[in-house]
PDB file of N, CA and C in Angstrom:
ATOM      1  N   UNK A   1      -0.504  43.463  20.925  1.00  0.00           N
ATOM      2  CA  UNK A   1      -1.699  42.824  20.390  1.00  0.00           C
ATOM      3  C   UNK A   1      -1.703  42.971  18.871  1.00  0.00           C
ATOM      4  N   UNK A   2      -1.889  41.860  18.192  1.00  0.00           N
ATOM      5  CA  UNK A   2      -1.979  41.827  16.732  1.00  0.00           C
ATOM      6  C   UNK A   2      -3.413  42.189  16.331  1.00  0.00           C
ATOM      7  N   UNK A   3      -3.537  42.976  15.286  1.00  0.00           N
ATOM      8  CA  UNK A   3      -4.859  43.365  14.772  1.00  0.00           C
ATOM      9  C   UNK A   3      -5.066  42.699  13.422  1.00  0.00           C
ATOM     10  N   UNK A   4      -6.218  42.066  13.251  1.00  0.00           N
ATOM     11  CA  UNK A   4      -6.566  41.486  11.955  1.00  0.00           C
ATOM     12  C   UNK A   4      -7.799  42.209  11.429  1.00  0.00           C
ATOM     13  N   UNK A   5      -7.644  42.756  10.241  1.00  0.00           N
ATOM     14  CA  UNK A   5      -8.726  43.494   9.571  1.00  0.00           C
ATOM     15  C   UNK A   5      -9.572  42.495   8.770  1.00  0.00           C
ATOM     16  N   UNK A   6     -10.868  42.482   9.044  1.00  0.00           N
ATOM     17  CA  UNK A   6     -11.769  41.592   8.309  1.00  0.00           C
ATOM     18  C   UNK A   6     -11.970  42.090   6.885  1.00  0.00           C
ATOM     19  N   UNK A   7     -11.896  41.178   5.917  1.00  0.00           N
ATOM     20  CA  UNK A   7     -12.240  41.504   4.539  1.00  0.00           C
ATOM     21  C   UNK A   7     -13.688  41.105   4.265  1.00  0.00           C
ATOM     22  N   UNK A   8     -14.137  40.074   4.970  1.00  0.00           N
ATOM     23  CA  UNK A   8     -15.505  39.587   4.847  1.00  0.00           C
ATOM     24  C   UNK A   8     -16.198  39.775   6.186  1.00  0.00           C
ATOM     25  N   UNK A   9     -17.319  39.102   6.353  1.00  0.00           N
ATOM     26  CA  UNK A   9     -18.076  39.229   7.600  1.00  0.00           C
ATOM     27  C   UNK A   9     -17.343  38.587   8.774  1.00  0.00           C
ATOM     28  N   UNK A  10     -16.569  37.526   8.486  1.00  0.00           N
ATOM     29  CA  UNK A  10     -15.857  36.803   9.545  1.00  0.00           C
ATOM     30  C   UNK A  10     -14.574  36.199   8.979  1.00  0.00           C
ATOM     31  N   UNK A  11     -13.725  35.702   9.902  1.00  0.00           N
ATOM     32  CA  UNK A  11     -12.546  34.918   9.538  1.00  0.00           C
ATOM     33  C   UNK A  11     -12.554  33.700  10.447  1.00  0.00           C
ATOM     34  N   UNK A  12     -12.118  32.570   9.924  1.00  0.00           N
ATOM     35  CA  UNK A  12     -12.082  31.360  10.736  1.00  0.00           C
ATOM     36  C   UNK A  12     -10.848  31.375  11.636  1.00  0.00           C
ATOM     37  N   UNK A  13     -10.972  30.712  12.776  1.00  0.00           N
ATOM     38  CA  UNK A  13      -9.923  30.724  13.795  1.00  0.00           C
ATOM     39  C   UNK A  13      -8.570  30.270  13.244  1.00  0.00           C
ATOM     40  N   UNK A  14      -8.536  29.166  12.522  1.00  0.00           N
ATOM     41  CA  UNK A  14      -7.271  28.680  11.958  1.00  0.00           C
ATOM     42  C   UNK A  14      -6.635  29.692  11.031  1.00  0.00           C
ATOM     43  N   UNK A  15      -7.460  30.347  10.212  1.00  0.00           N
ATOM     44  CA  UNK A  15      -6.963  31.366   9.289  1.00  0.00           C
ATOM     45  C   UNK A  15      -6.411  32.566  10.045  1.00  0.00           C
ATOM     46  N   UNK A  16      -7.068  32.934  11.133  1.00  0.00           N
ATOM     47  CA  UNK A  16      -6.614  34.079  11.925  1.00  0.00           C
ATOM     48  C   UNK A  16      -5.251  33.805  12.554  1.00  0.00           C
ATOM     49  N   UNK A  17      -5.058  32.594  13.071  1.00  0.00           N
ATOM     50  CA  UNK A  17      -3.755  32.241  13.660  1.00  0.00           C
ATOM     51  C   UNK A  17      -2.649  32.310  12.609  1.00  0.00           C
ATOM     52  N   UNK A  18      -2.940  31.840  11.401  1.00  0.00           N
ATOM     53  CA  UNK A  18      -1.957  31.903  10.319  1.00  0.00           C
ATOM     54  C   UNK A  18      -1.702  33.347   9.903  1.00  0.00           C
ATOM     55  N   UNK A  19      -2.769  34.130   9.744  1.00  0.00           N
ATOM     56  CA  UNK A  19      -2.635  35.524   9.304  1.00  0.00           C
ATOM     57  C   UNK A  19      -1.803  36.346  10.292  1.00  0.00           C
ATOM     58  N   UNK A  20      -1.926  36.029  11.573  1.00  0.00           N
ATOM     59  CA  UNK A  20      -1.179  36.758  12.598  1.00  0.00           C
ATOM     60  C   UNK A  20       0.257  36.242  12.733  1.00  0.00           C
ATOM     61  N   UNK A  21       0.580  35.162  12.025  1.00  0.00           N
ATOM     62  CA  UNK A  21       1.927  34.621  12.096  1.00  0.00           C
ATOM     63  C   UNK A  21       2.202  33.817  13.351  1.00  0.00           C
ATOM     64  N   UNK A  22       1.164  33.391  14.052  1.00  0.00           N
ATOM     65  CA  UNK A  22       1.361  32.631  15.289  1.00  0.00           C
ATOM     66  C   UNK A  22       1.570  31.146  15.018  1.00  0.00           C
ATOM     67  N   UNK A  23       1.136  30.682  13.849  1.00  0.00           N
ATOM     68  CA  UNK A  23       1.412  29.315  13.397  1.00  0.00           C
ATOM     69  C   UNK A  23       1.849  29.411  11.938  1.00  0.00           C
ATOM     70  N   UNK A  24       2.562  28.385  11.476  1.00  0.00           N
ATOM     71  CA  UNK A  24       3.087  28.457  10.116  1.00  0.00           C
ATOM     72  C   UNK A  24       2.203  27.779   9.080  1.00  0.00           C
ATOM     73  N   UNK A  25       1.270  26.932   9.536  1.00  0.00           N
ATOM     74  CA  UNK A  25       0.428  26.228   8.574  1.00  0.00           C
ATOM     75  C   UNK A  25      -0.925  25.886   9.189  1.00  0.00           C
ATOM     76  N   UNK A  26      -1.836  25.473   8.330  1.00  0.00           N
ATOM     77  CA  UNK A  26      -3.151  25.042   8.797  1.00  0.00           C
ATOM     78  C   UNK A  26      -3.059  23.819   9.684  1.00  0.00           C
ATOM     79  N   UNK A  27      -2.096  22.942   9.389  1.00  0.00           N
ATOM     80  CA  UNK A  27      -1.899  21.748  10.221  1.00  0.00           C
ATOM     81  C   UNK A  27      -1.466  22.157  11.629  1.00  0.00           C
ATOM     82  N   UNK A  28      -0.537  23.112  11.713  1.00  0.00           N
ATOM     83  CA  UNK A  28      -0.106  23.605  13.030  1.00  0.00           C
ATOM     84  C   UNK A  28      -1.275  24.228  13.778  1.00  0.00           C
ATOM     85  N   UNK A  29      -2.093  25.010  13.066  1.00  0.00           N
ATOM     86  CA  UNK A  29      -3.260  25.639  13.690  1.00  0.00           C
ATOM     87  C   UNK A  29      -4.192  24.569  14.248  1.00  0.00           C
ATOM     88  N   UNK A  30      -4.450  23.542  13.449  1.00  0.00           N
ATOM     89  CA  UNK A  30      -5.329  22.451  13.878  1.00  0.00           C
ATOM     90  C   UNK A  30      -4.811  21.804  15.160  1.00  0.00           C
ATOM     91  N   UNK A  31      -3.512  21.552  15.218  1.00  0.00           N
ATOM     92  CA  UNK A  31      -2.921  20.879  16.380  1.00  0.00           C
ATOM     93  C   UNK A  31      -3.032  21.717  17.654  1.00  0.00           C
ATOM     94  N   UNK A  32      -2.671  22.999  17.580  1.00  0.00           N
ATOM     95  CA  UNK A  32      -2.710  23.815  18.800  1.00  0.00           C
ATOM     96  C   UNK A  32      -4.148  24.047  19.261  1.00  0.00           C
ATOM     97  N   UNK A  33      -5.078  24.123  18.309  1.00  0.00           N
ATOM     98  CA  UNK A  33      -6.491  24.298  18.674  1.00  0.00           C
ATOM     99  C   UNK A  33      -7.015  23.020  19.327  1.00  0.00           C
ATOM    100  N   UNK A  34      -6.752  21.865  18.716  1.00  0.00           N
ATOM    101  CA  UNK A  34      -7.213  20.591  19.274  1.00  0.00           C
ATOM    102  C   UNK A  34      -6.589  20.297  20.632  1.00  0.00           C
ATOM    103  N   UNK A  35      -5.385  20.806  20.866  1.00  0.00           N
ATOM    104  CA  UNK A  35      -4.716  20.604  22.152  1.00  0.00           C
ATOM    105  C   UNK A  35      -5.234  21.547  23.237  1.00  0.00           C
ATOM    106  N   UNK A  36      -6.198  22.413  22.891  1.00  0.00           N
ATOM    107  CA  UNK A  36      -6.799  23.305  23.883  1.00  0.00           C
ATOM    108  C   UNK A  36      -5.919  24.482  24.258  1.00  0.00           C
ATOM    109  N   UNK A  37      -5.022  24.884  23.371  1.00  0.00           N
ATOM    110  CA  UNK A  37      -4.081  25.959  23.681  1.00  0.00           C
ATOM    111  C   UNK A  37      -4.560  27.334  23.227  1.00  0.00           C
ATOM    112  N   UNK A  38      -5.720  27.391  22.578  1.00  0.00           N
ATOM    113  CA  UNK A  38      -6.222  28.649  22.017  1.00  0.00           C
ATOM    114  C   UNK A  38      -7.518  29.037  22.713  1.00  0.00           C
ATOM    115  N   UNK A  39      -7.600  30.319  23.078  1.00  0.00           N
ATOM    116  CA  UNK A  39      -8.828  30.843  23.687  1.00  0.00           C
ATOM    117  C   UNK A  39      -9.437  31.900  22.778  1.00  0.00           C
ATOM    118  N   UNK A  40     -10.761  31.916  22.728  1.00  0.00           N
ATOM    119  CA  UNK A  40     -11.494  32.958  22.021  1.00  0.00           C
ATOM    120  C   UNK A  40     -12.399  33.625  23.052  1.00  0.00           C
ATOM    121  N   UNK A  41     -12.203  34.908  23.234  1.00  0.00           N
ATOM    122  CA  UNK A  41     -12.970  35.676  24.220  1.00  0.00           C
ATOM    123  C   UNK A  41     -12.921  35.024  25.603  1.00  0.00           C
ATOM    124  N   UNK A  42     -11.729  34.522  25.971  1.00  0.00           N
ATOM    125  CA  UNK A  42     -11.518  33.972  27.309  1.00  0.00           C
ATOM    126  C   UNK A  42     -11.909  32.522  27.489  1.00  0.00           C
ATOM    127  N   UNK A  43     -12.479  31.889  26.464  1.00  0.00           N
ATOM    128  CA  UNK A  43     -12.916  30.494  26.557  1.00  0.00           C
ATOM    129  C   UNK A  43     -12.056  29.622  25.639  1.00  0.00           C
ATOM    130  N   UNK A  44     -11.652  28.447  26.117  1.00  0.00           N
ATOM    131  CA  UNK A  44     -10.898  27.515  25.271  1.00  0.00           C
ATOM    132  C   UNK A  44     -11.769  27.132  24.084  1.00  0.00           C
ATOM    133  N   UNK A  45     -11.197  27.208  22.902  1.00  0.00           N
ATOM    134  CA  UNK A  45     -11.929  26.883  21.668  1.00  0.00           C
ATOM    135  C   UNK A  45     -11.263  25.692  20.994  1.00  0.00           C
ATOM    136  N   UNK A  46     -12.056  24.675  20.654  1.00  0.00           N
ATOM    137  CA  UNK A  46     -11.527  23.457  20.060  1.00  0.00           C
ATOM    138  C   UNK A  46     -11.892  23.298  18.587  1.00  0.00           C
ATOM    139  N   UNK A  47     -12.587  24.269  18.017  1.00  0.00           N
ATOM    140  CA  UNK A  47     -13.007  24.195  16.625  1.00  0.00           C
ATOM    141  C   UNK A  47     -12.136  25.100  15.751  1.00  0.00           C
ATOM    142  N   UNK A  48     -11.415  24.498  14.829  1.00  0.00           N
ATOM    143  CA  UNK A  48     -10.560  25.280  13.926  1.00  0.00           C
ATOM    144  C   UNK A  48     -11.404  26.195  13.045  1.00  0.00           C
ATOM    145  N   UNK A  49     -12.616  25.758  12.718  1.00  0.00           N
ATOM    146  CA  UNK A  49     -13.496  26.529  11.842  1.00  0.00           C
ATOM    147  C   UNK A  49     -14.354  27.549  12.564  1.00  0.00           C
ATOM    148  N   UNK A  50     -14.100  27.774  13.845  1.00  0.00           N
ATOM    149  CA  UNK A  50     -14.861  28.773  14.611  1.00  0.00           C
ATOM    150  C   UNK A  50     -14.809  30.109  13.889  1.00  0.00           C
ATOM    151  N   UNK A  51     -15.976  30.702  13.657  1.00  0.00           N
ATOM    152  CA  UNK A  51     -16.035  31.993  12.968  1.00  0.00           C
ATOM    153  C   UNK A  51     -15.782  33.120  13.953  1.00  0.00           C
ATOM    154  N   UNK A  52     -14.850  33.992  13.590  1.00  0.00           N
ATOM    155  CA  UNK A  52     -14.515  35.142  14.424  1.00  0.00           C
ATOM    156  C   UNK A  52     -15.077  36.394  13.771  1.00  0.00           C
ATOM    157  N   UNK A  53     -15.696  37.226  14.587  1.00  0.00           N
ATOM    158  CA  UNK A  53     -16.318  38.452  14.103  1.00  0.00           C
ATOM    159  C   UNK A  53     -15.642  39.657  14.750  1.00  0.00           C
ATOM    160  N   UNK A  54     -16.066  40.836  14.341  1.00  0.00           N
ATOM    161  CA  UNK A  54     -15.507  42.077  14.869  1.00  0.00           C
ATOM    162  C   UNK A  54     -15.509  42.067  16.396  1.00  0.00           C
ATOM    163  N   UNK A  55     -14.416  42.509  16.986  1.00  0.00           N
ATOM    164  CA  UNK A  55     -14.194  42.638  18.427  1.00  0.00           C
ATOM    165  C   UNK A  55     -13.895  41.330  19.150  1.00  0.00           C
ATOM    166  N   UNK A  56     -13.826  40.193  18.435  1.00  0.00           N
ATOM    167  CA  UNK A  56     -13.405  38.955  19.086  1.00  0.00           C
ATOM    168  C   UNK A  56     -11.919  39.049  19.408  1.00  0.00           C
ATOM    169  N   UNK A  57     -11.523  38.417  20.517  1.00  0.00           N
ATOM    170  CA  UNK A  57     -10.129  38.394  20.952  1.00  0.00           C
ATOM    171  C   UNK A  57      -9.673  36.937  21.014  1.00  0.00           C
ATOM    172  N   UNK A  58      -8.558  36.646  20.349  1.00  0.00           N
ATOM    173  CA  UNK A  58      -7.971  35.304  20.347  1.00  0.00           C
ATOM    174  C   UNK A  58      -6.691  35.365  21.176  1.00  0.00           C
ATOM    175  N   UNK A  59      -6.475  34.355  22.020  1.00  0.00           N
ATOM    176  CA  UNK A  59      -5.258  34.282  22.828  1.00  0.00           C
ATOM    177  C   UNK A  59      -4.544  32.968  22.545  1.00  0.00           C
ATOM    178  N   UNK A  60      -3.235  33.055  22.317  1.00  0.00           N
ATOM    179  CA  UNK A  60      -2.407  31.870  22.100  1.00  0.00           C
ATOM    180  C   UNK A  60      -0.978  32.212  22.489  1.00  0.00           C
ATOM    181  N   UNK A  61      -0.394  31.402  23.367  1.00  0.00           N
ATOM    182  CA  UNK A  61       0.991  31.595  23.823  1.00  0.00           C
ATOM    183  C   UNK A  61       1.272  33.041  24.235  1.00  0.00           C
ATOM    184  N   UNK A  62       0.431  33.581  25.085  1.00  0.00           N
ATOM    185  CA  UNK A  62       0.577  34.935  25.636  1.00  0.00           C
ATOM    186  C   UNK A  62       0.488  36.029  24.581  1.00  0.00           C
ATOM    187  N   UNK A  63       0.076  35.679  23.366  1.00  0.00           N
ATOM    188  CA  UNK A  63      -0.160  36.657  22.299  1.00  0.00           C
ATOM    189  C   UNK A  63      -1.666  36.834  22.147  1.00  0.00           C
ATOM    190  N   UNK A  64      -2.066  38.025  21.750  1.00  0.00           N
ATOM    191  CA  UNK A  64      -3.480  38.286  21.525  1.00  0.00           C
ATOM    192  C   UNK A  64      -3.693  38.801  20.111  1.00  0.00           C
ATOM    193  N   UNK A  65      -4.829  38.408  19.547  1.00  0.00           N
ATOM    194  CA  UNK A  65      -5.256  38.900  18.224  1.00  0.00           C
ATOM    195  C   UNK A  65      -6.614  39.529  18.414  1.00  0.00           C
ATOM    196  N   UNK A  66      -6.773  40.751  17.912  1.00  0.00           N
ATOM    197  CA  UNK A  66      -8.081  41.395  17.940  1.00  0.00           C
ATOM    198  C   UNK A  66      -8.607  41.468  16.505  1.00  0.00           C
ATOM    199  N   UNK A  67      -9.867  41.117  16.347  1.00  0.00           N
ATOM    200  CA  UNK A  67     -10.507  41.136  15.039  1.00  0.00           C
ATOM    201  C   UNK A  67     -11.243  42.472  14.905  1.00  0.00           C
ATOM    202  N   UNK A  68     -10.945  43.205  13.834  1.00  0.00           N
ATOM    203  CA  UNK A  68     -11.601  44.493  13.601  1.00  0.00           C
ATOM    204  C   UNK A  68     -12.187  44.527  12.196  1.00  0.00           C
ATOM    205  N   UNK A  69     -13.162  45.380  12.026  1.00  0.00           N
ATOM    206  CA  UNK A  69     -13.848  45.504  10.725  1.00  0.00           C
ATOM    207  C   UNK A  69     -13.068  46.434   9.816  1.00  0.00           C
TER     208      UNK A  69
END
């Protein structure tokens, strides 16, 4: 599980995927999110700008990202 440390109150979903190295660009993040391949806290998320807060879990291609403060 990849851990992402928050610098601010939240991080956007597309930014989190890039920060974790699961996608190489914002365009790639947009595509995988729009295709319904990303889950946030167990639910498919279609918004690239979804705000992630402490303890949120992102799942993509059998990888997980945990957001921590």
